[in-house]
C-alpha atoms as a PDB file:
ATOM      1  CA  UNK A   1     -45.564 -23.277  50.145  1.00  0.00           C
ATOM      2  CA  UNK A   2     -45.932 -23.270  53.930  1.00  0.00           C
ATOM      3  CA  UNK A   3     -44.837 -20.332  56.100  1.00  0.00           C
ATOM      4  CA  UNK A   4     -41.563 -21.912  57.255  1.00  0.00           C
ATOM      5  CA  UNK A   5     -40.532 -22.852  53.701  1.00  0.00           C
ATOM      6  CA  UNK A   6     -41.366 -19.319  52.543  1.00  0.00           C
ATOM      7  CA  UNK A   7     -39.203 -17.870  55.328  1.00  0.00           C
ATOM      8  CA  UNK A   8     -36.303 -20.113  54.338  1.00  0.00           C
ATOM      9  CA  UNK A   9     -36.665 -19.240  50.655  1.00  0.00           C
ATOM     10  CA  UNK A  10     -36.801 -15.521  51.468  1.00  0.00           C
ATOM     11  CA  UNK A  11     -33.713 -15.737  53.698  1.00  0.00           C
ATOM     12  CA  UNK A  12     -31.796 -17.696  51.061  1.00  0.00           C
ATOM     13  CA  UNK A  13     -32.906 -16.033  47.811  1.00  0.00           C
ATOM     14  CA  UNK A  14     -33.755 -12.413  48.661  1.00  0.00           C
ATOM     15  CA  UNK A  15     -32.174 -11.135  51.876  1.00  0.00           C
ATOM     16  CA  UNK A  16     -28.528 -11.738  50.842  1.00  0.00           C
ATOM     17  CA  UNK A  17     -28.967  -9.218  48.023  1.00  0.00           C
ATOM     18  CA  UNK A  18     -30.188  -6.318  50.157  1.00  0.00           C
ATOM     19  CA  UNK A  19     -26.740  -4.696  50.246  1.00  0.00           C
ATOM     20  CA  UNK A  20     -26.441  -4.738  46.457  1.00  0.00           C
ATOM     21  CA  UNK A  21     -29.926  -3.289  46.025  1.00  0.00           C
ATOM     22  CA  UNK A  22     -29.246  -0.589  48.636  1.00  0.00           C
ATOM     23  CA  UNK A  23     -26.021   0.378  46.891  1.00  0.00           C
ATOM     24  CA  UNK A  24     -27.730   0.461  43.486  1.00  0.00           C
ATOM     25  CA  UNK A  25     -30.693   2.469  44.806  1.00  0.00           C
ATOM     26  CA  UNK A  26     -28.593   4.981  46.776  1.00  0.00           C
ATOM     27  CA  UNK A  27     -27.327   6.650  43.630  1.00  0.00           C
ATOM     28  CA  UNK A  28     -30.672   6.628  41.896  1.00  0.00           C
ATOM     29  CA  UNK A  29     -33.096   8.062  44.424  1.00  0.00           C
ATOM     30  CA  UNK A  30     -31.088  11.126  45.390  1.00  0.00           C
ATOM     31  CA  UNK A  31     -33.190  14.186  44.776  1.00  0.00           C
ATOM     32  CA  UNK A  32     -36.464  12.278  45.099  1.00  0.00           C
ATOM     33  CA  UNK A  33     -37.856  13.683  48.311  1.00  0.00           C
ATOM     34  CA  UNK A  34     -40.778  11.258  48.308  1.00  0.00           C
ATOM     35  CA  UNK A  35     -38.510   8.229  48.073  1.00  0.00           C
ATOM     36  CA  UNK A  36     -36.680   6.898  51.159  1.00  0.00           C
ATOM     37  CA  UNK A  37     -34.212   4.038  50.713  1.00  0.00           C
ATOM     38  CA  UNK A  38     -35.465   2.020  53.702  1.00  0.00           C
ATOM     39  CA  UNK A  39     -39.077   2.452  52.610  1.00  0.00           C
ATOM     40  CA  UNK A  40     -38.290   1.200  49.104  1.00  0.00           C
ATOM     41  CA  UNK A  41     -36.518  -1.872  50.505  1.00  0.00           C
ATOM     42  CA  UNK A  42     -39.368  -2.616  52.932  1.00  0.00           C
ATOM     43  CA  UNK A  43     -41.992  -2.145  50.220  1.00  0.00           C
ATOM     44  CA  UNK A  44     -40.031  -4.485  47.927  1.00  0.00           C
ATOM     45  CA  UNK A  45     -39.915  -7.114  50.665  1.00  0.00           C
ATOM     46  CA  UNK A  46     -43.644  -6.755  51.295  1.00  0.00           C
ATOM     47  CA  UNK A  47     -44.471  -7.151  47.608  1.00  0.00           C
ATOM     48  CA  UNK A  48     -42.195 -10.155  47.178  1.00  0.00           C
ATOM     49  CA  UNK A  49     -43.689 -11.759  50.281  1.00  0.00           C
ATOM     50  CA  UNK A  50     -47.189 -11.620  48.755  1.00  0.00           C
ATOM     51  CA  UNK A  51     -46.367 -13.239  45.399  1.00  0.00           C
ATOM     52  CA  UNK A  52     -46.196 -16.934  44.556  1.00  0.00           C
ATOM     53  CA  UNK A  53     -42.463 -17.438  45.181  1.00  0.00           C
ATOM     54  CA  UNK A  54     -42.467 -20.793  43.438  1.00  0.00           C
ATOM     55  CA  UNK A  55     -42.836 -18.897  40.154  1.00  0.00           C
ATOM     56  CA  UNK A  56     -39.809 -16.671  40.834  1.00  0.00           C
ATOM     57  CA  UNK A  57     -36.764 -17.882  38.928  1.00  0.00           C
ATOM     58  CA  UNK A  58     -34.232 -15.487  40.461  1.00  0.00           C
ATOM     59  CA  UNK A  59     -34.840 -13.882  43.851  1.00  0.00           C
ATOM     60  CA  UNK A  60     -32.037 -11.381  43.186  1.00  0.00           C
ATOM     61  CA  UNK A  61     -33.466 -10.233  39.846  1.00  0.00           C
ATOM     62  CA  UNK A  62     -36.963 -10.063  41.285  1.00  0.00           C
ATOM     63  CA  UNK A  63     -35.752  -7.906  44.201  1.00  0.00           C
ATOM     64  CA  UNK A  64     -33.941  -5.480  41.862  1.00  0.00           C
ATOM     65  CA  UNK A  65     -36.883  -5.224  39.489  1.00  0.00           C
ATOM     66  CA  UNK A  66     -39.384  -4.780  42.323  1.00  0.00           C
ATOM     67  CA  UNK A  67     -37.264  -1.987  43.848  1.00  0.00           C
ATOM     68  CA  UNK A  68     -36.916  -0.373  40.424  1.00  0.00           C
ATOM     69  CA  UNK A  69     -40.686  -0.431  39.928  1.00  0.00           C
ATOM     70  CA  UNK A  70     -41.292   1.102  43.350  1.00  0.00           C
ATOM     71  CA  UNK A  71     -38.910   3.953  42.541  1.00  0.00           C
ATOM     72  CA  UNK A  72     -40.617   4.350  39.167  1.00  0.00           C
ATOM     73  CA  UNK A  73     -43.968   4.641  40.901  1.00  0.00           C
ATOM     74  CA  UNK A  74     -42.542   7.342  43.190  1.00  0.00           C
ATOM     75  CA  UNK A  75     -41.234   9.213  40.159  1.00  0.00           C
ATOM     76  CA  UNK A  76     -44.577   9.000  38.383  1.00  0.00           C
ATOM     77  CA  UNK A  77     -46.437  10.070  41.518  1.00  0.00           C
ATOM     78  CA  UNK A  78     -44.205  13.052  42.066  1.00  0.00           C
ATOM     79  CA  UNK A  79     -44.349  13.897  38.352  1.00  0.00           C
ATOM     80  CA  UNK A  80     -40.612  14.552  38.410  1.00  0.00           C
ATOM     81  CA  UNK A  81     -38.676  12.986  35.597  1.00  0.00           C
ATOM     82  CA  UNK A  82     -35.069  12.391  36.553  1.00  0.00           C
ATOM     83  CA  UNK A  83     -33.029  11.919  33.414  1.00  0.00           C
ATOM     84  CA  UNK A  84     -30.343   9.983  35.316  1.00  0.00           C
ATOM     85  CA  UNK A  85     -32.977   7.693  36.793  1.00  0.00           C
ATOM     86  CA  UNK A  86     -34.521   6.908  33.413  1.00  0.00           C
ATOM     87  CA  UNK A  87     -31.095   6.252  31.904  1.00  0.00           C
ATOM     88  CA  UNK A  88     -30.065   4.072  34.854  1.00  0.00           C
ATOM     89  CA  UNK A  89     -33.080   1.779  34.425  1.00  0.00           C
ATOM     90  CA  UNK A  90     -31.590   0.502  31.181  1.00  0.00           C
ATOM     91  CA  UNK A  91     -28.123   0.012  32.668  1.00  0.00           C
ATOM     92  CA  UNK A  92     -29.276  -2.534  35.236  1.00  0.00           C
ATOM     93  CA  UNK A  93     -29.207  -5.417  32.708  1.00  0.00           C
ATOM     94  CA  UNK A  94     -30.927  -7.916  34.967  1.00  0.00           C
ATOM     95  CA  UNK A  95     -32.727 -10.714  33.205  1.00  0.00           C
ATOM     96  CA  UNK A  96     -36.332 -10.340  34.179  1.00  0.00           C
ATOM     97  CA  UNK A  97     -38.727 -13.050  33.194  1.00  0.00           C
ATOM     98  CA  UNK A  98     -41.362 -11.677  35.558  1.00  0.00           C
ATOM     99  CA  UNK A  99     -41.993  -8.473  33.567  1.00  0.00           C
ATOM    100  CA  UNK A 100     -44.523  -8.931  30.847  1.00  0.00           C
ATOM    101  CA  UNK A 101     -44.227  -7.686  27.307  1.00  0.00           C
ATOM    102  CA  UNK A 102     -46.696  -4.887  27.972  1.00  0.00           C
ATOM    103  CA  UNK A 103     -44.529  -3.381  30.743  1.00  0.00           C
ATOM    104  CA  UNK A 104     -41.422  -3.581  28.583  1.00  0.00           C
ATOM    105  CA  UNK A 105     -43.284  -1.896  25.739  1.00  0.00           C
ATOM    106  CA  UNK A 106     -44.559   0.792  28.094  1.00  0.00           C
ATOM    107  CA  UNK A 107     -41.026   1.488  29.327  1.00  0.00           C
ATOM    108  CA  UNK A 108     -39.736   1.636  25.770  1.00  0.00           C
ATOM    109  CA  UNK A 109     -42.495   4.072  24.864  1.00  0.00           C
ATOM    110  CA  UNK A 110     -41.605   6.333  27.819  1.00  0.00           C
ATOM    111  CA  UNK A 111     -37.955   6.283  26.803  1.00  0.00           C
ATOM    112  CA  UNK A 112     -38.920   7.071  23.197  1.00  0.00           C
ATOM    113  CA  UNK A 113     -41.033   9.965  24.519  1.00  0.00           C
ATOM    114  CA  UNK A 114     -38.037  11.265  26.445  1.00  0.00           C
ATOM    115  CA  UNK A 115     -35.766  11.037  23.398  1.00  0.00           C
ATOM    116  CA  UNK A 116     -38.411  12.797  21.278  1.00  0.00           C
ATOM    117  CA  UNK A 117     -38.681  15.558  23.902  1.00  0.00           C
ATOM    118  CA  UNK A 118     -34.892  15.974  23.891  1.00  0.00           C
ATOM    119  CA  UNK A 119     -34.987  16.294  20.088  1.00  0.00           C
ATOM    120  CA  UNK A 120     -37.438  19.236  20.368  1.00  0.00           C
ATOM    121  CA  UNK A 121     -35.182  21.277  22.655  1.00  0.00           C
ATOM    122  CA  UNK A 122     -33.686  24.470  21.211  1.00  0.00           C
ATOM    123  CA  UNK A 123     -30.294  23.578  19.645  1.00  0.00           C
ATOM    124  CA  UNK A 124     -28.041  25.220  22.279  1.00  0.00           C
ATOM    125  CA  UNK A 125     -30.115  23.792  25.170  1.00  0.00           C
ATOM    126  CA  UNK A 126     -30.056  20.350  23.569  1.00  0.00           C
ATOM    127  CA  UNK A 127     -26.298  20.488  22.990  1.00  0.00           C
ATOM    128  CA  UNK A 128     -25.591  21.593  26.584  1.00  0.00           C
ATOM    129  CA  UNK A 129     -27.979  18.970  27.953  1.00  0.00           C
ATOM    130  CA  UNK A 130     -26.473  16.151  25.888  1.00  0.00           C
ATOM    131  CA  UNK A 131     -22.935  17.122  26.849  1.00  0.00           C
ATOM    132  CA  UNK A 132     -23.927  17.167  30.530  1.00  0.00           C
ATOM    133  CA  UNK A 133     -26.096  14.057  30.698  1.00  0.00           C
ATOM    134  CA  UNK A 134     -24.681  11.802  28.004  1.00  0.00           C
ATOM    135  CA  UNK A 135     -21.015  12.781  27.907  1.00  0.00           C
ATOM    136  CA  UNK A 136     -20.946  13.710  31.617  1.00  0.00           C
ATOM    137  CA  UNK A 137     -18.948  16.899  31.074  1.00  0.00           C
ATOM    138  CA  UNK A 138     -18.713  19.562  33.757  1.00  0.00           C
ATOM    139  CA  UNK A 139     -20.262  22.987  33.175  1.00  0.00           C
ATOM    140  CA  UNK A 140     -16.759  24.387  32.674  1.00  0.00           C
ATOM    141  CA  UNK A 141     -15.982  21.756  30.013  1.00  0.00           C
ATOM    142  CA  UNK A 142     -19.318  22.400  28.291  1.00  0.00           C
ATOM    143  CA  UNK A 143     -18.655  26.150  28.294  1.00  0.00           C
ATOM    144  CA  UNK A 144     -15.253  25.558  26.708  1.00  0.00           C
ATOM    145  CA  UNK A 145     -16.599  23.214  24.068  1.00  0.00           C
ATOM    146  CA  UNK A 146     -19.546  25.458  23.182  1.00  0.00           C
ATOM    147  CA  UNK A 147     -17.556  28.720  23.438  1.00  0.00           C
ATOM    148  CA  UNK A 148     -19.956  30.288  25.955  1.00  0.00           C
ATOM    149  CA  UNK A 149     -19.787  31.298  29.621  1.00  0.00           C
ATOM    150  CA  UNK A 150     -20.516  28.872  32.463  1.00  0.00           C
ATOM    151  CA  UNK A 151     -23.513  30.954  33.526  1.00  0.00           C
ATOM    152  CA  UNK A 152     -24.943  30.615  30.009  1.00  0.00           C
ATOM    153  CA  UNK A 153     -24.407  26.844  30.206  1.00  0.00           C
ATOM    154  CA  UNK A 154     -26.296  26.838  33.507  1.00  0.00           C
ATOM    155  CA  UNK A 155     -29.172  28.770  31.913  1.00  0.00           C
ATOM    156  CA  UNK A 156     -29.304  26.353  28.960  1.00  0.00           C
ATOM    157  CA  UNK A 157     -29.351  23.338  31.319  1.00  0.00           C
ATOM    158  CA  UNK A 158     -32.076  24.841  33.513  1.00  0.00           C
ATOM    159  CA  UNK A 159     -34.195  25.631  30.450  1.00  0.00           C
ATOM    160  CA  UNK A 160     -33.639  22.140  29.026  1.00  0.00           C
ATOM    161  CA  UNK A 161     -34.722  20.477  32.287  1.00  0.00           C
ATOM    162  CA  UNK A 162     -37.779  22.723  32.585  1.00  0.00           C
ATOM    163  CA  UNK A 163     -38.848  21.969  28.997  1.00  0.00           C
ATOM    164  CA  UNK A 164     -38.254  18.226  29.411  1.00  0.00           C
ATOM    165  CA  UNK A 165     -40.251  18.109  32.640  1.00  0.00           C
ATOM    166  CA  UNK A 166     -43.127  19.951  30.954  1.00  0.00           C
ATOM    167  CA  UNK A 167     -42.980  17.611  27.956  1.00  0.00           C
ATOM    168  CA  UNK A 168     -42.990  14.499  30.132  1.00  0.00           C
ATOM    169  CA  UNK A 169     -45.878  15.837  32.271  1.00  0.00           C
ATOM    170  CA  UNK A 170     -47.988  16.581  29.198  1.00  0.00           C
ATOM    171  CA  UNK A 171     -50.550  13.900  28.364  1.00  0.00           C
ATOM    172  CA  UNK A 172     -49.563  11.586  25.557  1.00  0.00           C
ATOM    173  CA  UNK A 173     -51.214  12.158  22.221  1.00  0.00           C
ATOM    174  CA  UNK A 174     -53.117   9.283  20.721  1.00  0.00           C
ATOM    175  CA  UNK A 175     -54.536   8.101  24.049  1.00  0.00           C
ATOM    176  CA  UNK A 176     -57.408   6.355  22.278  1.00  0.00           C
ATOM    177  CA  UNK A 177     -54.930   4.464  20.108  1.00  0.00           C
ATOM    178  CA  UNK A 178     -52.967   3.486  23.217  1.00  0.00           C
ATOM    179  CA  UNK A 179     -56.127   2.242  24.917  1.00  0.00           C
ATOM    180  CA  UNK A 180     -57.141   0.230  21.828  1.00  0.00           C
ATOM    181  CA  UNK A 181     -53.617  -1.196  21.710  1.00  0.00           C
ATOM    182  CA  UNK A 182     -53.863  -2.261  25.361  1.00  0.00           C
ATOM    183  CA  UNK A 183     -57.222  -3.953  24.730  1.00  0.00           C
ATOM    184  CA  UNK A 184     -55.812  -5.791  21.694  1.00  0.00           C
ATOM    185  CA  UNK A 185     -52.698  -6.780  23.654  1.00  0.00           C
ATOM    186  CA  UNK A 186     -54.783  -8.316  26.432  1.00  0.00           C
ATOM    187  CA  UNK A 187     -57.183  -9.970  23.923  1.00  0.00           C
ATOM    188  CA  UNK A 188     -60.221  -7.749  24.574  1.00  0.00           C
ATOM    189  CA  UNK A 189     -60.506  -5.897  21.295  1.00  0.00           C
END
Protein backbone atom coordinates (compact mmCIF):
# COMPACT_ATOMS: atom_id res chain seq x y z
CA UNK A 1 0.00 0.00 0.00
CA UNK A 2 1.47 3.36 -1.01
CA UNK A 3 1.88 6.25 1.45
CA UNK A 4 -1.20 8.18 0.29
CA UNK A 5 -3.45 5.10 0.48
CA UNK A 6 -2.10 4.35 3.96
CA UNK A 7 -2.87 7.92 5.05
CA UNK A 8 -6.42 7.63 3.72
CA UNK A 9 -6.96 4.27 5.40
CA UNK A 10 -5.61 5.61 8.70
CA UNK A 11 -7.84 8.70 8.53
CA UNK A 12 -10.90 6.60 7.70
CA UNK A 13 -10.41 3.51 9.87
CA UNK A 14 -8.43 4.62 12.94
CA UNK A 15 -8.58 8.35 13.65
CA UNK A 16 -12.40 8.56 14.03
CA UNK A 17 -12.17 6.25 17.04
CA UNK A 18 -9.65 8.29 19.03
CA UNK A 19 -12.37 9.85 21.20
CA UNK A 20 -13.78 6.46 22.17
CA UNK A 21 -10.33 5.09 22.99
CA UNK A 22 -9.47 8.20 25.03
CA UNK A 23 -12.69 7.88 27.00
CA UNK A 24 -12.12 4.17 27.60
CA UNK A 25 -8.48 4.70 28.61
CA UNK A 26 -9.16 7.67 30.90
CA UNK A 27 -10.82 5.50 33.52
CA UNK A 28 -8.27 2.74 33.29
CA UNK A 29 -4.92 4.47 33.56
CA UNK A 30 -5.67 6.59 36.61
CA UNK A 31 -3.12 5.82 39.27
CA UNK A 32 -0.52 4.64 36.75
CA UNK A 33 2.09 7.36 37.02
CA UNK A 34 4.13 5.92 34.16
CA UNK A 35 1.18 5.97 31.77
CA UNK A 36 0.07 9.23 30.09
CA UNK A 37 -3.08 9.18 27.96
CA UNK A 38 -1.56 11.15 25.05
CA UNK A 39 1.54 8.96 25.05
CA UNK A 40 -0.56 5.79 24.89
CA UNK A 41 -2.57 7.17 21.96
CA UNK A 42 0.57 8.29 20.10
CA UNK A 43 2.29 4.95 20.73
CA UNK A 44 -0.80 3.12 19.45
CA UNK A 45 -0.78 5.23 16.29
CA UNK A 46 2.92 4.57 15.77
CA UNK A 47 2.48 0.82 16.15
CA UNK A 48 -0.53 0.70 13.84
CA UNK A 49 1.34 2.76 11.26
CA UNK A 50 4.14 0.16 11.10
CA UNK A 51 1.96 -2.92 10.56
CA UNK A 52 0.58 -4.28 7.30
CA UNK A 53 -2.79 -2.49 7.37
CA UNK A 54 -4.19 -4.67 4.62
CA UNK A 55 -4.33 -7.50 7.17
CA UNK A 56 -6.32 -5.44 9.69
CA UNK A 57 -10.00 -6.34 9.60
CA UNK A 58 -11.24 -3.63 11.97
CA UNK A 59 -9.25 -0.44 12.54
CA UNK A 60 -11.36 0.35 15.61
CA UNK A 61 -10.74 -3.03 17.26
CA UNK A 62 -7.06 -2.89 16.40
CA UNK A 63 -6.74 0.59 17.95
CA UNK A 64 -8.46 -0.52 21.18
CA UNK A 65 -6.40 -3.69 21.45
CA UNK A 66 -3.14 -1.87 20.69
CA UNK A 67 -3.90 0.76 23.37
CA UNK A 68 -4.82 -2.00 25.82
CA UNK A 69 -1.52 -3.78 25.17
CA UNK A 70 0.46 -0.57 25.66
CA UNK A 71 -1.22 0.00 29.02
CA UNK A 72 -0.55 -3.63 29.91
CA UNK A 73 3.11 -3.15 29.12
CA UNK A 74 3.20 -0.08 31.38
CA UNK A 75 1.58 -2.10 34.16
CA UNK A 76 4.07 -4.93 33.77
CA UNK A 77 6.99 -2.51 33.65
CA UNK A 78 5.89 -0.71 36.77
CA UNK A 79 5.14 -4.04 38.47
CA UNK A 80 1.89 -2.57 39.79
CA UNK A 81 -1.13 -4.76 39.37
CA UNK A 82 -4.31 -2.72 39.26
CA UNK A 83 -7.24 -4.99 39.98
CA UNK A 84 -9.65 -2.63 38.18
CA UNK A 85 -7.39 -2.58 35.14
CA UNK A 86 -7.19 -6.37 34.94
CA UNK A 87 -10.96 -6.68 35.35
CA UNK A 88 -11.60 -3.98 32.74
CA UNK A 89 -9.56 -5.82 30.09
CA UNK A 90 -12.23 -8.51 29.97
CA UNK A 91 -15.10 -6.02 29.80
CA UNK A 92 -13.94 -4.49 26.52
CA UNK A 93 -15.51 -7.29 24.43
CA UNK A 94 -13.92 -6.24 21.16
CA UNK A 95 -13.53 -8.97 18.60
CA UNK A 96 -9.83 -9.27 18.03
CA UNK A 97 -8.64 -11.48 15.24
CA UNK A 98 -5.15 -9.98 15.45
CA UNK A 99 -4.33 -11.48 18.87
CA UNK A 100 -2.94 -14.95 18.63
CA UNK A 101 -3.93 -17.89 20.76
CA UNK A 102 -0.74 -17.66 22.78
CA UNK A 103 -1.50 -14.09 23.93
CA UNK A 104 -5.05 -15.03 24.87
CA UNK A 105 -3.75 -18.01 26.82
CA UNK A 106 -1.17 -15.82 28.55
CA UNK A 107 -3.86 -13.34 29.57
CA UNK A 108 -6.07 -16.14 30.85
CA UNK A 109 -3.16 -17.51 32.86
CA UNK A 110 -2.51 -14.09 34.44
CA UNK A 111 -6.17 -13.77 35.34
CA UNK A 112 -6.15 -17.29 36.80
CA UNK A 113 -3.06 -16.31 38.82
CA UNK A 114 -4.90 -13.27 40.14
CA UNK A 115 -7.95 -15.32 41.12
CA UNK A 116 -5.69 -17.89 42.82
CA UNK A 117 -3.93 -15.09 44.73
CA UNK A 118 -7.31 -13.71 45.85
CA UNK A 119 -8.27 -17.20 47.09
CA UNK A 120 -5.16 -17.28 49.34
CA UNK A 121 -6.02 -14.04 51.14
CA UNK A 122 -6.98 -14.30 54.82
CA UNK A 123 -10.79 -14.71 55.01
CA UNK A 124 -11.65 -11.22 56.34
CA UNK A 125 -9.26 -9.52 53.87
CA UNK A 126 -10.69 -11.57 51.01
CA UNK A 127 -14.28 -10.77 52.00
CA UNK A 128 -13.56 -7.02 52.29
CA UNK A 129 -11.65 -7.05 49.00
CA UNK A 130 -14.39 -8.91 47.13
CA UNK A 131 -17.10 -6.62 48.48
CA UNK A 132 -15.08 -3.57 47.42
CA UNK A 133 -13.85 -4.71 44.01
CA UNK A 134 -16.55 -7.09 42.81
CA UNK A 135 -19.68 -5.73 44.46
CA UNK A 136 -18.40 -2.13 44.43
CA UNK A 137 -19.56 -1.38 47.98
CA UNK A 138 -18.27 1.63 49.88
CA UNK A 139 -16.12 1.15 52.98
CA UNK A 140 -19.12 2.14 55.11
CA UNK A 141 -21.32 -0.49 53.42
CA UNK A 142 -18.60 -3.13 53.82
CA UNK A 143 -18.22 -2.25 57.51
CA UNK A 144 -21.97 -2.63 57.99
CA UNK A 145 -22.14 -5.93 56.17
CA UNK A 146 -19.11 -7.39 57.96
CA UNK A 147 -20.00 -5.90 61.37
CA UNK A 148 -16.64 -4.14 61.77
CA UNK A 149 -15.44 -0.53 61.85
CA UNK A 150 -14.56 1.41 58.70
CA UNK A 151 -10.94 1.71 59.84
CA UNK A 152 -10.77 -2.09 60.12
CA UNK A 153 -12.19 -2.37 56.60
CA UNK A 154 -9.48 0.01 55.41
CA UNK A 155 -6.81 -2.13 57.09
CA UNK A 156 -8.20 -5.31 55.51
CA UNK A 157 -8.24 -3.67 52.05
CA UNK A 158 -4.70 -2.34 52.41
CA UNK A 159 -3.46 -5.76 53.52
CA UNK A 160 -5.31 -7.48 50.66
CA UNK A 161 -3.78 -5.14 48.06
CA UNK A 162 -0.29 -5.55 49.54
CA UNK A 163 -0.58 -9.35 49.51
CA UNK A 164 -1.98 -9.41 45.97
CA UNK A 165 0.78 -7.15 44.67
CA UNK A 166 3.40 -9.39 46.29
CA UNK A 167 1.76 -12.50 44.85
CA UNK A 168 1.60 -11.04 41.35
CA UNK A 169 5.24 -9.84 41.54
CA UNK A 170 6.45 -13.28 42.61
CA UNK A 171 7.85 -15.40 39.78
CA UNK A 172 5.50 -18.04 38.47
CA UNK A 173 6.17 -21.59 39.53
CA UNK A 174 6.72 -24.13 36.81
CA UNK A 175 8.70 -21.77 34.59
CA UNK A 176 10.35 -24.70 32.83
CA UNK A 177 6.93 -26.16 32.05
CA UNK A 178 5.80 -22.78 30.72
CA UNK A 179 8.88 -22.53 28.51
CA UNK A 180 8.36 -26.08 27.18
CA UNK A 181 4.72 -25.20 26.52
CA UNK A 182 5.75 -22.11 24.55
CA UNK A 183 8.20 -24.15 22.46
CA UNK A 184 5.52 -26.77 21.75
CA UNK A 185 2.99 -24.05 20.91
CA UNK A 186 5.33 -22.48 18.36
CA UNK A 187 6.35 -25.92 16.96
CA UNK A 188 9.91 -25.99 18.33
CA UNK A 189 9.68 -28.79 20.85
